[in-house]
């Protein structure tokens, strides 16, 4: 009992004492102020593009605790998102030779403009799924797989923003 109590007190102290800050803290430094999310729609896949904007809004509000504006002129930061590519990769076949396991791979281009500086990076995510008894991917399965892969990709945005804030500090210190 005493060991667990001591451990419970020491672990939080270590995180505070060493100056630990989550990556969302550094991402917030990159996207200070109000944010406008501009979705560049891929005409080949417009339905999936809308998912990206909704998920990015969710990340901005819930993880970064930032404000979203719906007028570009009111924004301190403009965030451009583009669904660059969607691929389906076959992973496993059954004994009859039909595909049973797939991987959806989504690549998203992210560009943001703040203080007359533009920075960009790509994020990607994947999601593995099986198609069950059928031999083809249904639209519903494809949509859900792309949605899950895009969500994983957009979760990576926070870490990429955090890394860019470190790069900025290194340049300013030198």
N, C-alpha and C. Protein backbone atom coordinates (compact mmCIF):
# COMPACT_ATOMS: atom_id res chain seq x y z
N UNK A 1 0.83 -1.20 0.00
CA UNK A 1 0.00 0.00 0.00
C UNK A 1 0.87 1.26 0.00
N UNK A 2 1.91 1.27 0.83
CA UNK A 2 2.78 2.43 0.92
C UNK A 2 3.56 2.64 -0.38
N UNK A 3 3.99 1.53 -1.00
CA UNK A 3 4.74 1.64 -2.25
C UNK A 3 3.89 2.25 -3.36
N UNK A 4 2.63 1.84 -3.45
CA UNK A 4 1.78 2.39 -4.51
C UNK A 4 1.45 3.85 -4.25
N UNK A 5 1.33 4.23 -2.97
CA UNK A 5 1.05 5.63 -2.64
C UNK A 5 2.26 6.50 -2.99
N UNK A 6 3.45 6.01 -2.65
CA UNK A 6 4.68 6.75 -2.98
C UNK A 6 4.83 6.88 -4.49
N UNK A 7 4.57 5.77 -5.20
CA UNK A 7 4.67 5.78 -6.66
C UNK A 7 3.66 6.75 -7.27
N UNK A 8 2.46 6.78 -6.69
CA UNK A 8 1.41 7.68 -7.17
C UNK A 8 1.80 9.15 -6.99
N UNK A 9 2.56 9.44 -5.98
CA UNK A 9 3.01 10.82 -5.75
C UNK A 9 4.25 11.18 -6.56
N UNK A 10 5.13 10.22 -6.78
CA UNK A 10 6.39 10.50 -7.47
C UNK A 10 6.21 10.66 -8.98
N UNK A 11 5.40 9.84 -9.62
CA UNK A 11 5.25 9.89 -11.08
C UNK A 11 4.76 11.25 -11.56
N UNK A 12 3.67 11.82 -11.00
CA UNK A 12 3.27 13.16 -11.46
C UNK A 12 4.35 14.21 -11.21
N UNK A 13 5.06 14.09 -10.10
CA UNK A 13 6.13 15.04 -9.79
C UNK A 13 7.22 14.99 -10.85
N UNK A 14 7.56 13.80 -11.33
CA UNK A 14 8.59 13.67 -12.35
C UNK A 14 8.19 14.37 -13.65
N UNK A 15 6.92 14.21 -14.05
CA UNK A 15 6.47 14.86 -15.28
C UNK A 15 6.48 16.38 -15.14
N UNK A 16 6.11 16.88 -13.98
CA UNK A 16 6.09 18.33 -13.76
C UNK A 16 7.51 18.86 -13.61
N UNK A 17 8.33 18.14 -12.89
CA UNK A 17 9.70 18.60 -12.60
C UNK A 17 10.57 18.64 -13.85
N UNK A 18 10.36 17.72 -14.77
CA UNK A 18 11.23 17.71 -15.95
C UNK A 18 10.69 18.61 -17.07
N UNK A 19 9.61 19.31 -16.82
CA UNK A 19 9.09 20.24 -17.80
C UNK A 19 8.33 19.59 -18.94
N UNK A 20 7.79 18.41 -18.72
CA UNK A 20 7.04 17.70 -19.76
C UNK A 20 5.82 18.51 -20.19
N UNK A 21 5.66 18.63 -21.48
CA UNK A 21 4.47 19.26 -22.06
C UNK A 21 4.01 18.38 -23.21
N UNK A 22 2.71 18.13 -23.32
CA UNK A 22 2.22 17.29 -24.42
C UNK A 22 2.40 17.97 -25.77
N UNK A 23 2.38 17.16 -26.83
CA UNK A 23 2.57 17.71 -28.17
C UNK A 23 1.47 18.70 -28.54
N UNK A 24 0.28 18.55 -27.96
CA UNK A 24 -0.79 19.50 -28.26
C UNK A 24 -0.43 20.91 -27.78
N UNK A 25 0.37 21.03 -26.72
CA UNK A 25 0.82 22.34 -26.26
C UNK A 25 1.62 23.05 -27.35
N UNK A 26 2.55 22.31 -27.96
CA UNK A 26 3.39 22.90 -29.01
C UNK A 26 2.60 23.14 -30.30
N UNK A 27 1.64 22.28 -30.57
CA UNK A 27 0.79 22.48 -31.75
C UNK A 27 -0.03 23.75 -31.58
N UNK A 28 -0.49 24.01 -30.36
CA UNK A 28 -1.24 25.25 -30.09
C UNK A 28 -0.39 26.49 -30.36
N UNK A 29 0.91 26.38 -30.10
CA UNK A 29 1.81 27.51 -30.36
C UNK A 29 1.87 27.83 -31.85
N UNK A 30 1.77 26.81 -32.68
CA UNK A 30 1.80 27.01 -34.13
C UNK A 30 0.48 27.58 -34.64
N UNK A 31 -0.63 27.19 -34.02
CA UNK A 31 -1.95 27.61 -34.50
C UNK A 31 -2.65 28.51 -33.48
N UNK A 32 -1.97 29.53 -33.04
CA UNK A 32 -2.59 30.46 -32.09
C UNK A 32 -3.69 31.25 -32.76
N UNK A 33 -4.68 31.64 -31.95
CA UNK A 33 -5.75 32.49 -32.46
C UNK A 33 -6.84 31.69 -33.15
N UNK A 34 -7.60 32.37 -33.97
CA UNK A 34 -8.72 31.74 -34.67
C UNK A 34 -8.23 31.06 -35.95
N UNK A 35 -8.90 29.97 -36.30
CA UNK A 35 -8.46 29.14 -37.42
C UNK A 35 -9.60 28.97 -38.41
N UNK A 36 -9.27 29.13 -39.68
CA UNK A 36 -10.20 28.85 -40.77
C UNK A 36 -9.71 27.60 -41.49
N UNK A 37 -10.58 26.60 -41.60
CA UNK A 37 -10.22 25.36 -42.28
C UNK A 37 -10.79 25.41 -43.69
N UNK A 38 -9.90 25.39 -44.67
CA UNK A 38 -10.28 25.41 -46.08
C UNK A 38 -10.07 24.01 -46.64
N UNK A 39 -11.14 23.43 -47.12
CA UNK A 39 -11.07 22.10 -47.69
C UNK A 39 -10.99 22.20 -49.20
N UNK A 40 -9.94 21.66 -49.77
CA UNK A 40 -9.80 21.60 -51.22
C UNK A 40 -10.37 20.25 -51.65
N UNK A 41 -11.51 20.29 -52.28
CA UNK A 41 -12.26 19.08 -52.58
C UNK A 41 -11.70 18.38 -53.80
N UNK A 42 -11.47 17.10 -53.65
CA UNK A 42 -11.04 16.23 -54.73
C UNK A 42 -12.31 15.83 -55.49
N UNK A 43 -12.45 16.24 -56.73
CA UNK A 43 -13.67 15.98 -57.48
C UNK A 43 -13.90 14.49 -57.74
N UNK A 44 -12.85 13.70 -57.64
CA UNK A 44 -13.00 12.27 -57.84
C UNK A 44 -13.59 11.60 -56.60
N UNK A 45 -13.46 12.21 -55.44
CA UNK A 45 -13.92 11.61 -54.20
C UNK A 45 -14.47 12.67 -53.24
N UNK A 46 -15.54 13.39 -53.62
CA UNK A 46 -16.01 14.50 -52.80
C UNK A 46 -16.62 14.06 -51.47
N UNK A 47 -17.24 12.89 -51.44
CA UNK A 47 -17.90 12.43 -50.22
C UNK A 47 -16.87 12.23 -49.09
N UNK A 48 -15.73 11.68 -49.42
CA UNK A 48 -14.72 11.42 -48.40
C UNK A 48 -13.99 12.69 -47.98
N UNK A 49 -13.95 13.68 -48.83
CA UNK A 49 -13.27 14.93 -48.50
C UNK A 49 -13.96 15.65 -47.35
N UNK A 50 -15.28 15.58 -47.30
CA UNK A 50 -16.04 16.27 -46.25
C UNK A 50 -15.72 15.67 -44.88
N UNK A 51 -15.46 14.39 -44.81
CA UNK A 51 -15.10 13.73 -43.55
C UNK A 51 -13.86 14.40 -42.96
N UNK A 52 -12.93 14.74 -43.81
CA UNK A 52 -11.66 15.31 -43.36
C UNK A 52 -11.89 16.65 -42.66
N UNK A 53 -12.72 17.48 -43.23
CA UNK A 53 -12.97 18.79 -42.63
C UNK A 53 -13.65 18.64 -41.27
N UNK A 54 -14.62 17.74 -41.17
CA UNK A 54 -15.31 17.53 -39.90
C UNK A 54 -14.35 17.03 -38.83
N UNK A 55 -13.49 16.08 -39.19
CA UNK A 55 -12.53 15.54 -38.23
C UNK A 55 -11.51 16.60 -37.82
N UNK A 56 -11.07 17.45 -38.76
CA UNK A 56 -10.12 18.49 -38.42
C UNK A 56 -10.75 19.51 -37.49
N UNK A 57 -12.02 19.85 -37.71
CA UNK A 57 -12.72 20.75 -36.80
C UNK A 57 -12.75 20.16 -35.39
N UNK A 58 -13.03 18.87 -35.31
CA UNK A 58 -13.08 18.19 -34.02
C UNK A 58 -11.73 18.27 -33.31
N UNK A 59 -10.65 18.04 -34.03
CA UNK A 59 -9.31 18.10 -33.44
C UNK A 59 -8.99 19.52 -32.97
N UNK A 60 -9.31 20.50 -33.79
CA UNK A 60 -9.02 21.89 -33.43
C UNK A 60 -9.75 22.30 -32.17
N UNK A 61 -11.02 21.93 -32.08
CA UNK A 61 -11.82 22.34 -30.93
C UNK A 61 -11.49 21.53 -29.68
N UNK A 62 -11.44 20.22 -29.80
CA UNK A 62 -11.30 19.37 -28.62
C UNK A 62 -9.87 19.12 -28.18
N UNK A 63 -8.95 18.96 -29.10
CA UNK A 63 -7.58 18.66 -28.71
C UNK A 63 -6.72 19.91 -28.57
N UNK A 64 -6.95 20.90 -29.43
CA UNK A 64 -6.14 22.11 -29.39
C UNK A 64 -6.82 23.26 -28.66
N UNK A 65 -8.11 23.10 -28.39
CA UNK A 65 -8.89 24.12 -27.68
C UNK A 65 -8.76 25.49 -28.37
N UNK A 66 -8.85 25.48 -29.69
CA UNK A 66 -8.76 26.71 -30.47
C UNK A 66 -10.12 27.08 -31.03
N UNK A 67 -10.21 28.28 -31.54
CA UNK A 67 -11.47 28.78 -32.12
C UNK A 67 -11.48 28.59 -33.62
N UNK A 68 -12.64 28.16 -34.12
CA UNK A 68 -12.83 28.02 -35.57
C UNK A 68 -13.68 29.19 -36.04
N UNK A 69 -13.26 29.79 -37.14
CA UNK A 69 -14.07 30.84 -37.77
C UNK A 69 -14.46 30.36 -39.17
N UNK A 70 -15.56 30.87 -39.64
CA UNK A 70 -16.06 30.42 -40.94
C UNK A 70 -15.92 31.49 -42.01
N UNK A 71 -15.10 32.49 -41.72
CA UNK A 71 -14.77 33.53 -42.68
C UNK A 71 -13.24 33.67 -42.71
N UNK A 72 -12.68 33.47 -43.87
CA UNK A 72 -11.23 33.51 -44.02
C UNK A 72 -10.64 34.83 -43.52
N UNK A 73 -11.34 35.92 -43.71
CA UNK A 73 -10.82 37.24 -43.34
C UNK A 73 -10.67 37.41 -41.82
N UNK A 74 -11.43 36.63 -41.06
CA UNK A 74 -11.38 36.75 -39.60
C UNK A 74 -10.33 35.84 -38.96
N UNK A 75 -9.70 35.01 -39.74
CA UNK A 75 -8.79 33.99 -39.20
C UNK A 75 -7.38 34.52 -39.01
N UNK A 76 -6.75 34.07 -37.93
CA UNK A 76 -5.33 34.33 -37.72
C UNK A 76 -4.49 33.30 -38.48
N UNK A 77 -5.05 32.10 -38.63
CA UNK A 77 -4.38 31.02 -39.35
C UNK A 77 -5.36 30.40 -40.34
N UNK A 78 -4.90 30.19 -41.56
CA UNK A 78 -5.70 29.50 -42.57
C UNK A 78 -5.07 28.13 -42.78
N UNK A 79 -5.88 27.10 -42.59
CA UNK A 79 -5.43 25.72 -42.71
C UNK A 79 -6.08 25.10 -43.93
N UNK A 80 -5.26 24.76 -44.94
CA UNK A 80 -5.75 24.13 -46.17
C UNK A 80 -5.56 22.62 -46.06
N UNK A 81 -6.62 21.88 -46.32
CA UNK A 81 -6.56 20.42 -46.30
C UNK A 81 -6.97 19.89 -47.66
N UNK A 82 -6.24 18.89 -48.15
CA UNK A 82 -6.58 18.29 -49.43
C UNK A 82 -6.38 16.78 -49.32
N UNK A 83 -7.40 16.04 -49.71
CA UNK A 83 -7.30 14.59 -49.79
C UNK A 83 -6.46 14.28 -51.03
N UNK A 84 -5.19 13.95 -50.80
CA UNK A 84 -4.26 13.76 -51.91
C UNK A 84 -4.47 12.42 -52.61
N UNK A 85 -4.67 11.36 -51.83
CA UNK A 85 -4.87 10.05 -52.44
C UNK A 85 -5.56 9.09 -51.49
N UNK A 86 -6.27 8.15 -52.10
CA UNK A 86 -6.91 7.05 -51.39
C UNK A 86 -6.57 5.78 -52.15
N UNK A 87 -6.00 4.82 -51.46
CA UNK A 87 -5.66 3.54 -52.09
C UNK A 87 -6.22 2.39 -51.27
N UNK A 88 -6.58 1.34 -51.98
CA UNK A 88 -6.98 0.09 -51.33
C UNK A 88 -5.93 -0.95 -51.68
N UNK A 89 -5.39 -1.57 -50.67
CA UNK A 89 -4.34 -2.57 -50.86
C UNK A 89 -4.87 -3.93 -50.41
N UNK A 90 -4.70 -4.93 -51.24
CA UNK A 90 -5.15 -6.29 -50.91
C UNK A 90 -4.10 -6.93 -50.01
N UNK A 91 -4.57 -7.52 -48.89
CA UNK A 91 -3.63 -8.12 -47.94
C UNK A 91 -3.72 -9.63 -47.84
N UNK A 92 -4.93 -10.17 -47.98
CA UNK A 92 -5.09 -11.60 -47.75
C UNK A 92 -6.18 -12.17 -48.65
N UNK A 93 -5.95 -13.39 -49.11
CA UNK A 93 -6.91 -14.09 -49.96
C UNK A 93 -7.43 -15.32 -49.23
N UNK A 94 -8.64 -15.76 -49.58
CA UNK A 94 -9.14 -17.02 -49.02
C UNK A 94 -8.70 -18.19 -49.89
N UNK A 95 -9.12 -19.40 -49.56
CA UNK A 95 -8.68 -20.58 -50.29
C UNK A 95 -9.19 -20.62 -51.73
N UNK A 96 -10.25 -19.85 -52.02
CA UNK A 96 -10.79 -19.80 -53.38
C UNK A 96 -10.13 -18.71 -54.23
N UNK A 97 -9.25 -17.92 -53.62
CA UNK A 97 -8.55 -16.87 -54.35
C UNK A 97 -9.21 -15.50 -54.28
N UNK A 98 -10.28 -15.36 -53.47
CA UNK A 98 -10.94 -14.06 -53.32
C UNK A 98 -10.24 -13.24 -52.25
N UNK A 99 -10.20 -11.94 -52.47
CA UNK A 99 -9.62 -11.03 -51.48
C UNK A 99 -10.53 -10.97 -50.26
N UNK A 100 -9.95 -11.09 -49.08
CA UNK A 100 -10.72 -11.05 -47.84
C UNK A 100 -10.29 -9.93 -46.91
N UNK A 101 -9.06 -9.51 -47.01
CA UNK A 101 -8.54 -8.49 -46.11
C UNK A 101 -7.90 -7.38 -46.93
N UNK A 102 -8.29 -6.16 -46.62
CA UNK A 102 -7.80 -4.98 -47.34
C UNK A 102 -7.22 -3.97 -46.35
N UNK A 103 -6.45 -3.06 -46.90
CA UNK A 103 -5.95 -1.91 -46.14
C UNK A 103 -6.29 -0.66 -46.94
N UNK A 104 -6.98 0.27 -46.29
CA UNK A 104 -7.25 1.57 -46.89
C UNK A 104 -6.10 2.50 -46.47
N UNK A 105 -5.51 3.19 -47.43
CA UNK A 105 -4.41 4.10 -47.16
C UNK A 105 -4.81 5.49 -47.67
N UNK A 106 -4.79 6.45 -46.77
CA UNK A 106 -5.21 7.81 -47.08
C UNK A 106 -4.04 8.76 -46.87
N UNK A 107 -3.80 9.63 -47.84
CA UNK A 107 -2.77 10.66 -47.73
C UNK A 107 -3.45 12.02 -47.81
N UNK A 108 -3.11 12.89 -46.87
CA UNK A 108 -3.72 14.23 -46.81
C UNK A 108 -2.61 15.27 -46.83
N UNK A 109 -2.77 16.26 -47.69
CA UNK A 109 -1.83 17.38 -47.74
C UNK A 109 -2.35 18.49 -46.83
N UNK A 110 -1.48 18.99 -45.98
CA UNK A 110 -1.83 20.04 -45.03
C UNK A 110 -0.93 21.23 -45.30
N UNK A 111 -1.55 22.39 -45.43
CA UNK A 111 -0.79 23.63 -45.62
C UNK A 111 -1.43 24.67 -44.72
N UNK A 112 -0.61 25.44 -44.02
CA UNK A 112 -1.19 26.50 -43.19
C UNK A 112 -0.40 27.79 -43.35
N UNK A 113 -1.15 28.87 -43.28
CA UNK A 113 -0.57 30.19 -43.45
C UNK A 113 -0.85 31.01 -42.21
N UNK A 114 0.23 31.52 -41.64
CA UNK A 114 0.13 32.33 -40.43
C UNK A 114 1.21 33.39 -40.51
N UNK A 115 0.84 34.61 -40.23
CA UNK A 115 1.79 35.72 -40.23
C UNK A 115 2.57 35.80 -41.54
N UNK A 116 1.88 35.66 -42.65
CA UNK A 116 2.45 35.72 -44.00
C UNK A 116 3.52 34.67 -44.26
N UNK A 117 3.52 33.60 -43.50
CA UNK A 117 4.42 32.48 -43.74
C UNK A 117 3.56 31.25 -44.02
N UNK A 118 3.96 30.49 -45.03
CA UNK A 118 3.23 29.28 -45.39
C UNK A 118 4.12 28.08 -45.12
N UNK A 119 3.54 27.09 -44.45
CA UNK A 119 4.24 25.84 -44.18
C UNK A 119 3.34 24.70 -44.62
N UNK A 120 3.94 23.60 -45.01
CA UNK A 120 3.13 22.46 -45.46
C UNK A 120 3.79 21.14 -45.08
N UNK A 121 2.97 20.12 -45.02
CA UNK A 121 3.43 18.76 -44.76
C UNK A 121 2.32 17.80 -45.17
N UNK A 122 2.67 16.54 -45.26
CA UNK A 122 1.71 15.48 -45.59
C UNK A 122 1.55 14.57 -44.39
N UNK A 123 0.36 14.04 -44.24
CA UNK A 123 0.09 13.03 -43.22
C UNK A 123 -0.59 11.85 -43.91
N UNK A 124 -0.41 10.67 -43.35
CA UNK A 124 -1.08 9.51 -43.92
C UNK A 124 -1.56 8.60 -42.80
N UNK A 125 -2.58 7.84 -43.12
CA UNK A 125 -3.14 6.89 -42.17
C UNK A 125 -3.63 5.68 -42.91
N UNK A 126 -3.71 4.58 -42.19
CA UNK A 126 -4.22 3.36 -42.82
C UNK A 126 -5.19 2.66 -41.88
N UNK A 127 -5.99 1.79 -42.46
CA UNK A 127 -6.99 1.04 -41.71
C UNK A 127 -7.20 -0.29 -42.42
N UNK A 128 -7.06 -1.37 -41.66
CA UNK A 128 -7.25 -2.70 -42.23
C UNK A 128 -8.66 -3.19 -41.92
N UNK A 129 -9.27 -3.84 -42.92
CA UNK A 129 -10.64 -4.33 -42.74
C UNK A 129 -10.86 -5.57 -43.61
N UNK A 130 -11.81 -6.38 -43.16
CA UNK A 130 -12.17 -7.56 -43.96
C UNK A 130 -13.52 -7.31 -44.60
N UNK A 131 -13.77 -8.01 -45.69
CA UNK A 131 -15.03 -7.80 -46.41
C UNK A 131 -16.05 -8.90 -46.13
N UNK A 132 -15.68 -9.86 -45.30
CA UNK A 132 -16.64 -10.89 -44.93
C UNK A 132 -16.87 -11.90 -46.04
N UNK A 133 -18.15 -12.25 -46.25
CA UNK A 133 -18.50 -13.31 -47.20
C UNK A 133 -18.45 -12.87 -48.66
N UNK A 134 -18.61 -11.60 -48.93
CA UNK A 134 -18.62 -11.12 -50.32
C UNK A 134 -17.24 -11.13 -50.92
N UNK A 135 -17.19 -10.92 -52.20
CA UNK A 135 -15.89 -10.89 -52.88
C UNK A 135 -15.52 -9.49 -53.33
N UNK A 136 -16.40 -8.51 -53.07
CA UNK A 136 -16.11 -7.13 -53.45
C UNK A 136 -16.34 -6.21 -52.26
N UNK A 137 -15.71 -5.06 -52.31
CA UNK A 137 -15.86 -4.07 -51.26
C UNK A 137 -17.15 -3.28 -51.50
N UNK A 138 -18.01 -3.21 -50.51
CA UNK A 138 -19.23 -2.42 -50.64
C UNK A 138 -18.88 -0.95 -50.44
N UNK A 139 -19.74 -0.06 -50.91
CA UNK A 139 -19.52 1.37 -50.72
C UNK A 139 -19.47 1.73 -49.24
N UNK A 140 -20.30 1.07 -48.44
CA UNK A 140 -20.33 1.36 -47.00
C UNK A 140 -19.01 0.98 -46.35
N UNK A 141 -18.50 -0.21 -46.66
CA UNK A 141 -17.21 -0.66 -46.11
C UNK A 141 -16.08 0.27 -46.55
N UNK A 142 -16.10 0.65 -47.81
CA UNK A 142 -15.06 1.54 -48.34
C UNK A 142 -15.10 2.89 -47.64
N UNK A 143 -16.29 3.44 -47.48
CA UNK A 143 -16.47 4.74 -46.84
C UNK A 143 -15.98 4.69 -45.39
N UNK A 144 -16.36 3.66 -44.65
CA UNK A 144 -15.95 3.53 -43.25
C UNK A 144 -14.44 3.35 -43.13
N UNK A 145 -13.86 2.58 -44.04
CA UNK A 145 -12.41 2.36 -44.02
C UNK A 145 -11.66 3.66 -44.30
N UNK A 146 -12.12 4.42 -45.27
CA UNK A 146 -11.48 5.70 -45.59
C UNK A 146 -11.65 6.68 -44.44
N UNK A 147 -12.81 6.68 -43.82
CA UNK A 147 -13.06 7.55 -42.67
C UNK A 147 -12.09 7.23 -41.53
N UNK A 148 -11.91 5.95 -41.24
CA UNK A 148 -11.00 5.55 -40.16
C UNK A 148 -9.55 5.88 -40.50
N UNK A 149 -9.15 5.63 -41.73
CA UNK A 149 -7.77 5.93 -42.14
C UNK A 149 -7.52 7.45 -42.12
N UNK A 150 -8.50 8.23 -42.55
CA UNK A 150 -8.36 9.69 -42.53
C UNK A 150 -8.27 10.21 -41.10
N UNK A 151 -9.04 9.62 -40.20
CA UNK A 151 -8.97 10.02 -38.78
C UNK A 151 -7.58 9.77 -38.22
N UNK A 152 -7.00 8.62 -38.55
CA UNK A 152 -5.65 8.33 -38.09
C UNK A 152 -4.64 9.32 -38.67
N UNK A 153 -4.82 9.66 -39.92
CA UNK A 153 -3.90 10.61 -40.57
C UNK A 153 -3.99 11.98 -39.90
N UNK A 154 -5.20 12.43 -39.62
CA UNK A 154 -5.37 13.76 -39.04
C UNK A 154 -4.89 13.82 -37.59
N UNK A 155 -4.89 12.71 -36.89
CA UNK A 155 -4.32 12.68 -35.54
C UNK A 155 -2.82 12.98 -35.60
N UNK A 156 -2.21 12.67 -36.71
CA UNK A 156 -0.78 12.92 -36.90
C UNK A 156 -0.48 14.42 -37.10
N UNK A 157 -1.50 15.19 -37.44
CA UNK A 157 -1.31 16.63 -37.67
C UNK A 157 -0.75 17.31 -36.42
N UNK A 158 -1.25 16.94 -35.26
CA UNK A 158 -0.79 17.56 -34.01
C UNK A 158 0.70 17.35 -33.81
N UNK A 159 1.17 16.14 -34.03
CA UNK A 159 2.61 15.88 -33.84
C UNK A 159 3.45 16.61 -34.88
N UNK A 160 2.95 16.69 -36.11
CA UNK A 160 3.71 17.41 -37.15
C UNK A 160 3.80 18.90 -36.82
N UNK A 161 2.71 19.48 -36.31
CA UNK A 161 2.73 20.89 -35.90
C UNK A 161 3.69 21.10 -34.74
N UNK A 162 3.70 20.17 -33.81
CA UNK A 162 4.61 20.27 -32.67
C UNK A 162 6.06 20.24 -33.13
N UNK A 163 6.37 19.34 -34.05
CA UNK A 163 7.73 19.25 -34.58
C UNK A 163 8.12 20.55 -35.28
N UNK A 164 7.18 21.14 -36.02
CA UNK A 164 7.50 22.39 -36.70
C UNK A 164 7.73 23.53 -35.70
N UNK A 165 7.08 23.47 -34.54
CA UNK A 165 7.34 24.50 -33.53
C UNK A 165 8.74 24.33 -32.96
N UNK A 166 9.24 23.09 -32.85
CA UNK A 166 10.62 22.87 -32.39
C UNK A 166 11.61 23.40 -33.41
N UNK A 167 11.36 23.15 -34.68
CA UNK A 167 12.25 23.63 -35.74
C UNK A 167 12.34 25.14 -35.72
N UNK A 168 11.22 25.79 -35.46
CA UNK A 168 11.19 27.25 -35.42
C UNK A 168 12.03 27.75 -34.25
N UNK A 169 11.95 27.09 -33.10
CA UNK A 169 12.73 27.51 -31.94
C UNK A 169 14.22 27.34 -32.19
N UNK A 170 14.61 26.22 -32.82
CA UNK A 170 16.02 25.99 -33.11
C UNK A 170 16.57 27.07 -34.03
N UNK A 171 15.79 27.48 -35.03
CA UNK A 171 16.24 28.52 -35.96
C UNK A 171 16.37 29.85 -35.24
N UNK A 172 15.41 30.17 -34.34
CA UNK A 172 15.46 31.43 -33.62
C UNK A 172 16.61 31.48 -32.62
N UNK A 173 16.99 30.32 -32.04
CA UNK A 173 18.06 30.30 -31.05
C UNK A 173 19.44 30.42 -31.70
N UNK A 174 19.59 29.99 -32.93
CA UNK A 174 20.91 30.02 -33.58
C UNK A 174 21.21 31.32 -34.23
